C-alpha atoms as a PDB file:
ATOM      1  CA  MET A   1      22.453  49.524  17.839  1.00  0.00           C
ATOM      2  CA  ILE A   2      21.795  45.660  16.625  1.00  0.00           C
ATOM      3  CA  PRO A   3      23.501  44.545  13.332  1.00  0.00           C
ATOM      4  CA  ILE A   4      20.890  43.736  10.970  1.00  0.00           C
ATOM      5  CA  SER A   5      22.787  40.523  10.297  1.00  0.00           C
ATOM      6  CA  ALA A   6      22.296  39.335  13.793  1.00  0.00           C
ATOM      7  CA  ILE A   7      18.051  40.403  13.328  1.00  0.00           C
ATOM      8  CA  VAL A   8      17.645  38.401  10.461  1.00  0.00           C
ATOM      9  CA  VAL A   9      19.441  35.387  11.588  1.00  0.00           C
ATOM     10  CA  LEU A  10      17.221  35.642  14.518  1.00  0.00           C
ATOM     11  CA  ILE A  11      14.361  35.865  12.595  1.00  0.00           C
ATOM     12  CA  LEU A  12      15.259  32.925  10.491  1.00  0.00           C
ATOM     13  CA  ILE A  13      15.295  30.843  13.902  1.00  0.00           C
ATOM     14  CA  LEU A  14      12.109  31.988  14.835  1.00  0.00           C
ATOM     15  CA  LEU A  15      10.684  30.751  11.328  1.00  0.00           C
ATOM     16  CA  VAL A  16      12.080  27.263  11.521  1.00  0.00           C
ATOM     17  CA  ILE A  17      10.649  27.223  15.393  1.00  0.00           C
ATOM     18  CA  LEU A  18       7.161  28.057  14.297  1.00  0.00           C
ATOM     19  CA  ALA A  19       7.218  25.886  11.248  1.00  0.00           C
ATOM     20  CA  SER A  20       8.525  23.069  13.397  1.00  0.00           C
ATOM     21  CA  ALA A  21       5.535  23.489  15.482  1.00  0.00           C
ATOM     22  CA  ILE A  22       2.668  23.318  12.948  1.00  0.00           C
ATOM     23  CA  LYS A  23       1.943  19.519  12.275  1.00  0.00           C
ATOM     24  CA  ILE A  24      -0.607  18.656   9.789  1.00  0.00           C
ATOM     25  CA  VAL A  25      -2.008  14.936  10.125  1.00  0.00           C
ATOM     26  CA  ARG A  26      -3.459  13.321   6.980  1.00  0.00           C
ATOM     27  CA  GLU A  27      -7.562  11.771   7.462  1.00  0.00           C
ATOM     28  CA  TYR A  28      -6.357   8.467   7.489  1.00  0.00           C
ATOM     29  CA  GLU A  29      -3.547   9.260  10.110  1.00  0.00           C
ATOM     30  CA  ARG A  30      -3.057  10.305  13.896  1.00  0.00           C
ATOM     31  CA  GLY A  31      -0.159  11.990  15.529  1.00  0.00           C
ATOM     32  CA  VAL A  32       0.444  10.795  19.361  1.00  0.00           C
ATOM     33  CA  ILE A  33       2.163  13.583  21.319  1.00  0.00           C
ATOM     34  CA  PHE A  34       4.445  13.683  23.786  1.00  0.00           C
ATOM     35  CA  ARG A  35       5.093  16.359  26.459  1.00  0.00           C
ATOM     36  CA  LEU A  36       8.566  16.002  27.890  1.00  0.00           C
ATOM     37  CA  GLY A  37       8.076  12.002  27.849  1.00  0.00           C
ATOM     38  CA  ARG A  38       4.483  12.039  29.066  1.00  0.00           C
ATOM     39  CA  LEU A  39       1.567  11.143  26.685  1.00  0.00           C
ATOM     40  CA  LEU A  40      -0.556  13.968  25.864  1.00  0.00           C
ATOM     41  CA  GLY A  41      -2.722  11.447  23.482  1.00  0.00           C
ATOM     42  CA  ALA A  42      -3.816  11.291  19.783  1.00  0.00           C
ATOM     43  CA  LYS A  43      -4.866  13.932  17.291  1.00  0.00           C
ATOM     44  CA  GLY A  44      -5.771  14.420  14.269  1.00  0.00           C
ATOM     45  CA  PRO A  45      -6.794  14.772  11.416  1.00  0.00           C
ATOM     46  CA  GLY A  46      -6.088  18.347  10.650  1.00  0.00           C
ATOM     47  CA  LEU A  47      -3.999  21.081  11.599  1.00  0.00           C
ATOM     48  CA  PHE A  48      -2.141  21.916  15.091  1.00  0.00           C
ATOM     49  CA  PHE A  49       0.524  22.763  16.697  1.00  0.00           C
ATOM     50  CA  ILE A  50       2.923  21.075  19.153  1.00  0.00           C
ATOM     51  CA  LEU A  51       5.664  23.091  21.217  1.00  0.00           C
ATOM     52  CA  PRO A  52       9.077  22.237  19.135  1.00  0.00           C
ATOM     53  CA  ILE A  53      11.173  21.711  21.905  1.00  0.00           C
ATOM     54  CA  PHE A  54       9.222  20.178  24.684  1.00  0.00           C
ATOM     55  CA  ASP A  55       6.535  17.809  22.321  1.00  0.00           C
ATOM     56  CA  ASN A  56       7.292  14.752  20.578  1.00  0.00           C
ATOM     57  CA  MET A  57       4.912  13.472  17.901  1.00  0.00           C
ATOM     58  CA  VAL A  58       4.815   9.692  16.377  1.00  0.00           C
ATOM     59  CA  ARG A  59       2.605   9.308  13.376  1.00  0.00           C
ATOM     60  CA  ILE A  60       0.646   6.276  13.010  1.00  0.00           C
ATOM     61  CA  ASP A  61      -0.948   5.258   9.983  1.00  0.00           C
ATOM     62  CA  LEU A  62      -4.969   3.955  10.756  1.00  0.00           C
ATOM     63  CA  ARG A  63      -5.131   2.186   7.353  1.00  0.00           C
ATOM     64  CA  GLU A  64      -5.623  -1.735   6.491  1.00  0.00           C
ATOM     65  CA  HIS A  65      -2.115  -3.093   6.894  1.00  0.00           C
ATOM     66  CA  VAL A  66      -1.123  -5.958   4.498  1.00  0.00           C
ATOM     67  CA  LEU A  67       1.218  -8.166   6.300  1.00  0.00           C
ATOM     68  CA  ASP A  68       2.849 -11.384   4.670  1.00  0.00           C
ATOM     69  CA  VAL A  69       3.995 -14.104   6.780  1.00  0.00           C
ATOM     70  CA  PRO A  70       7.090 -15.707   5.646  1.00  0.00           C
ATOM     71  CA  SER A  71       7.008 -19.617   4.849  1.00  0.00           C
ATOM     72  CA  GLN A  72       7.259 -21.420   8.477  1.00  0.00           C
ATOM     73  CA  GLU A  73       8.036 -25.057   8.526  1.00  0.00           C
ATOM     74  CA  ALA A  74       5.296 -26.926  10.798  1.00  0.00           C
ATOM     75  CA  ILE A  75       4.694 -30.530  11.574  1.00  0.00           C
ATOM     76  CA  THR A  76       1.006 -31.220  11.615  1.00  0.00           C
ATOM     77  CA  ALA A  77      -0.782 -33.507  14.230  1.00  0.00           C
ATOM     78  CA  ASP A  78       0.100 -36.641  12.470  1.00  0.00           C
ATOM     79  CA  ASN A  79       3.581 -35.747  12.317  1.00  0.00           C
ATOM     80  CA  VAL A  80       4.031 -34.488   8.869  1.00  0.00           C
ATOM     81  CA  PRO A  81       6.111 -31.687   7.822  1.00  0.00           C
ATOM     82  CA  ILE A  82       4.651 -28.804   5.518  1.00  0.00           C
ATOM     83  CA  ARG A  83       5.586 -25.317   4.668  1.00  0.00           C
ATOM     84  CA  VAL A  84       2.795 -23.113   4.887  1.00  0.00           C
ATOM     85  CA  ASN A  85       2.564 -19.175   4.593  1.00  0.00           C
ATOM     86  CA  ALA A  86       0.092 -16.976   5.132  1.00  0.00           C
ATOM     87  CA  VAL A  87      -0.915 -12.980   5.076  1.00  0.00           C
ATOM     88  CA  VAL A  88      -2.326 -11.126   7.791  1.00  0.00           C
ATOM     89  CA  TYR A  89      -4.896  -7.969   7.414  1.00  0.00           C
ATOM     90  CA  PHE A  90      -4.616  -5.675  10.878  1.00  0.00           C
ATOM     91  CA  ARG A  91      -5.174  -1.737  11.364  1.00  0.00           C
ATOM     92  CA  VAL A  92      -4.614   0.269  14.328  1.00  0.00           C
ATOM     93  CA  MET A  93      -7.627   1.047  16.082  1.00  0.00           C
ATOM     94  CA  ASN A  94      -5.878   2.833  19.266  1.00  0.00           C
ATOM     95  CA  PRO A  95      -2.744   4.518  18.034  1.00  0.00           C
ATOM     96  CA  GLU A  96      -1.699   5.345  21.942  1.00  0.00           C
ATOM     97  CA  ASP A  97      -1.624   1.848  22.504  1.00  0.00           C
ATOM     98  CA  ALA A  98       0.345   1.327  19.302  1.00  0.00           C
ATOM     99  CA  VAL A  99       2.856   3.430  20.661  1.00  0.00           C
ATOM    100  CA  VAL A 100       3.208   3.276  24.498  1.00  0.00           C
ATOM    101  CA  ARG A 101       2.363  -0.896  25.076  1.00  0.00           C
ATOM    102  CA  ILE A 102       4.776  -2.194  22.566  1.00  0.00           C
ATOM    103  CA  GLN A 103       7.827  -1.077  21.072  1.00  0.00           C
ATOM    104  CA  ASN A 104       7.070  -1.923  17.167  1.00  0.00           C
ATOM    105  CA  TYR A 105       3.625  -3.357  16.270  1.00  0.00           C
ATOM    106  CA  MET A 106       4.097  -4.337  12.998  1.00  0.00           C
ATOM    107  CA  LEU A 107       7.044  -5.999  14.209  1.00  0.00           C
ATOM    108  CA  ALA A 108       5.442  -7.592  16.897  1.00  0.00           C
ATOM    109  CA  THR A 109       1.951  -8.655  15.071  1.00  0.00           C
ATOM    110  CA  SER A 110       4.701 -10.438  12.239  1.00  0.00           C
ATOM    111  CA  GLN A 111       6.088 -12.593  15.061  1.00  0.00           C
ATOM    112  CA  MET A 112       3.424 -13.551  16.998  1.00  0.00           C
ATOM    113  CA  ALA A 113       1.322 -13.988  13.628  1.00  0.00           C
ATOM    114  CA  GLN A 114       4.624 -16.803  12.694  1.00  0.00           C
ATOM    115  CA  THR A 115       4.349 -18.308  15.843  1.00  0.00           C
ATOM    116  CA  THR A 116       0.307 -18.872  16.020  1.00  0.00           C
ATOM    117  CA  LEU A 117       0.535 -20.239  12.600  1.00  0.00           C
ATOM    118  CA  ARG A 118       3.187 -22.820  13.317  1.00  0.00           C
ATOM    119  CA  SER A 119       1.058 -23.627  16.468  1.00  0.00           C
ATOM    120  CA  VAL A 120      -2.316 -24.137  14.645  1.00  0.00           C
ATOM    121  CA  ILE A 121      -0.813 -26.068  12.095  1.00  0.00           C
ATOM    122  CA  GLY A 122       0.566 -28.685  14.752  1.00  0.00           C
ATOM    123  CA  GLU A 123      -2.890 -29.099  16.047  1.00  0.00           C
ATOM    124  CA  VAL A 124      -4.501 -30.205  13.543  1.00  0.00           C
ATOM    125  CA  GLU A 125      -3.743 -33.326  10.673  1.00  0.00           C
ATOM    126  CA  LEU A 126      -2.590 -32.755   7.342  1.00  0.00           C
ATOM    127  CA  ASP A 127      -6.337 -34.012   5.714  1.00  0.00           C
ATOM    128  CA  GLU A 128      -7.836 -30.731   7.780  1.00  0.00           C
ATOM    129  CA  VAL A 129      -4.832 -28.242   6.455  1.00  0.00           C
ATOM    130  CA  LEU A 130      -5.992 -28.936   3.270  1.00  0.00           C
ATOM    131  CA  ARG A 131      -9.591 -29.425   3.607  1.00  0.00           C
ATOM    132  CA  GLU A 132     -10.438 -26.867   6.124  1.00  0.00           C
ATOM    133  CA  ARG A 133      -8.438 -23.856   5.418  1.00  0.00           C
ATOM    134  CA  GLU A 134     -11.224 -21.253   6.303  1.00  0.00           C
ATOM    135  CA  LYS A 135     -11.933 -22.995   9.588  1.00  0.00           C
ATOM    136  CA  ILE A 136      -7.944 -22.344  10.404  1.00  0.00           C
ATOM    137  CA  ASN A 137      -8.313 -19.110   9.118  1.00  0.00           C
ATOM    138  CA  ARG A 138     -10.699 -18.049  10.869  1.00  0.00           C
ATOM    139  CA  ARG A 139      -8.943 -19.464  14.115  1.00  0.00           C
ATOM    140  CA  LEU A 140      -5.781 -17.803  13.197  1.00  0.00           C
ATOM    141  CA  GLN A 141      -7.687 -14.528  13.215  1.00  0.00           C
ATOM    142  CA  THR A 142      -9.508 -15.096  16.457  1.00  0.00           C
ATOM    143  CA  ILE A 143      -5.961 -16.285  18.575  1.00  0.00           C
ATOM    144  CA  LEU A 144      -4.408 -13.190  16.706  1.00  0.00           C
ATOM    145  CA  ASP A 145      -6.795 -10.580  17.637  1.00  0.00           C
ATOM    146  CA  GLU A 146      -7.314 -11.318  21.207  1.00  0.00           C
ATOM    147  CA  ARG A 147      -3.565 -11.403  21.811  1.00  0.00           C
ATOM    148  CA  THR A 148      -3.024  -8.095  19.649  1.00  0.00           C
ATOM    149  CA  ASP A 149      -6.075  -6.668  20.988  1.00  0.00           C
ATOM    150  CA  GLU A 150      -3.679  -4.814  24.065  1.00  0.00           C
ATOM    151  CA  TRP A 151      -1.519  -3.308  21.501  1.00  0.00           C
ATOM    152  CA  GLY A 152      -4.199  -1.676  19.817  1.00  0.00           C
ATOM    153  CA  VAL A 153      -4.645  -3.508  16.736  1.00  0.00           C
ATOM    154  CA  LYS A 154      -7.272  -5.421  15.403  1.00  0.00           C
ATOM    155  CA  VAL A 155      -6.812  -8.357  13.129  1.00  0.00           C
ATOM    156  CA  THR A 156      -9.460  -8.376  10.576  1.00  0.00           C
ATOM    157  CA  ALA A 157      -8.389 -11.279   8.453  1.00  0.00           C
ATOM    158  CA  VAL A 158      -5.889 -14.356   8.009  1.00  0.00           C
ATOM    159  CA  GLU A 159      -5.395 -16.447   4.765  1.00  0.00           C
ATOM    160  CA  ILE A 160      -3.058 -18.975   4.576  1.00  0.00           C
ATOM    161  CA  LYS A 161      -1.728 -19.085   1.119  1.00  0.00           C
ATOM    162  CA  ASP A 162       0.121 -22.117  -0.179  1.00  0.00           C
ATOM    163  CA  VAL A 163       0.455 -25.131   1.749  1.00  0.00           C
ATOM    164  CA  GLU A 164       3.359 -27.120   0.832  1.00  0.00           C
ATOM    165  CA  ILE A 165       3.603 -30.869   1.440  1.00  0.00           C
ATOM    166  CA  PRO A 166       6.914 -33.401   0.928  1.00  0.00           C
ATOM    167  CA  GLN A 167       7.551 -34.966  -2.533  1.00  0.00           C
ATOM    168  CA  GLY A 168       6.962 -38.282  -1.095  1.00  0.00           C
ATOM    169  CA  MET A 169       3.063 -37.326  -0.051  1.00  0.00           C
ATOM    170  CA  GLN A 170       2.321 -35.272  -3.012  1.00  0.00           C
ATOM    171  CA  GLN A 171       3.034 -38.669  -5.305  1.00  0.00           C
ATOM    172  CA  ALA A 172       0.796 -40.733  -2.817  1.00  0.00           C
END
């Protein structure tokens, strides 16, 4: 006869396994499921079951993300050194690509925004940076959106926040 303590332990183990098989994904999330390392697809929103030992789930938030681009040193086309920072708004459109095609889409988008900001500022003169901010914002958004598209990320807006010019240029 099997002791009662062994039956209780077995029931507890089964309950833990069953509880880990139940997944609830919110309306604004998707769960990207891998079975034995192979992509099964994205699921959600709602309640679904996975195989606890064989399946792994990665949650992806589909809401708009706000990414603060830290202040960057950039040199304009007319060789004026400036500091500029921006904010990027983006969202994940394809959760499978965001998990499979890039290791960390948040970090990659941030790094891409920093380098693109410096590059675009380097192509225009200081006067244009100060006067044509909206045009530069649209150009940054277009470039970033094209580059992040393969990761399943859609850049919806880019806004330059501050432009700091050297002290000598401010007084002139």
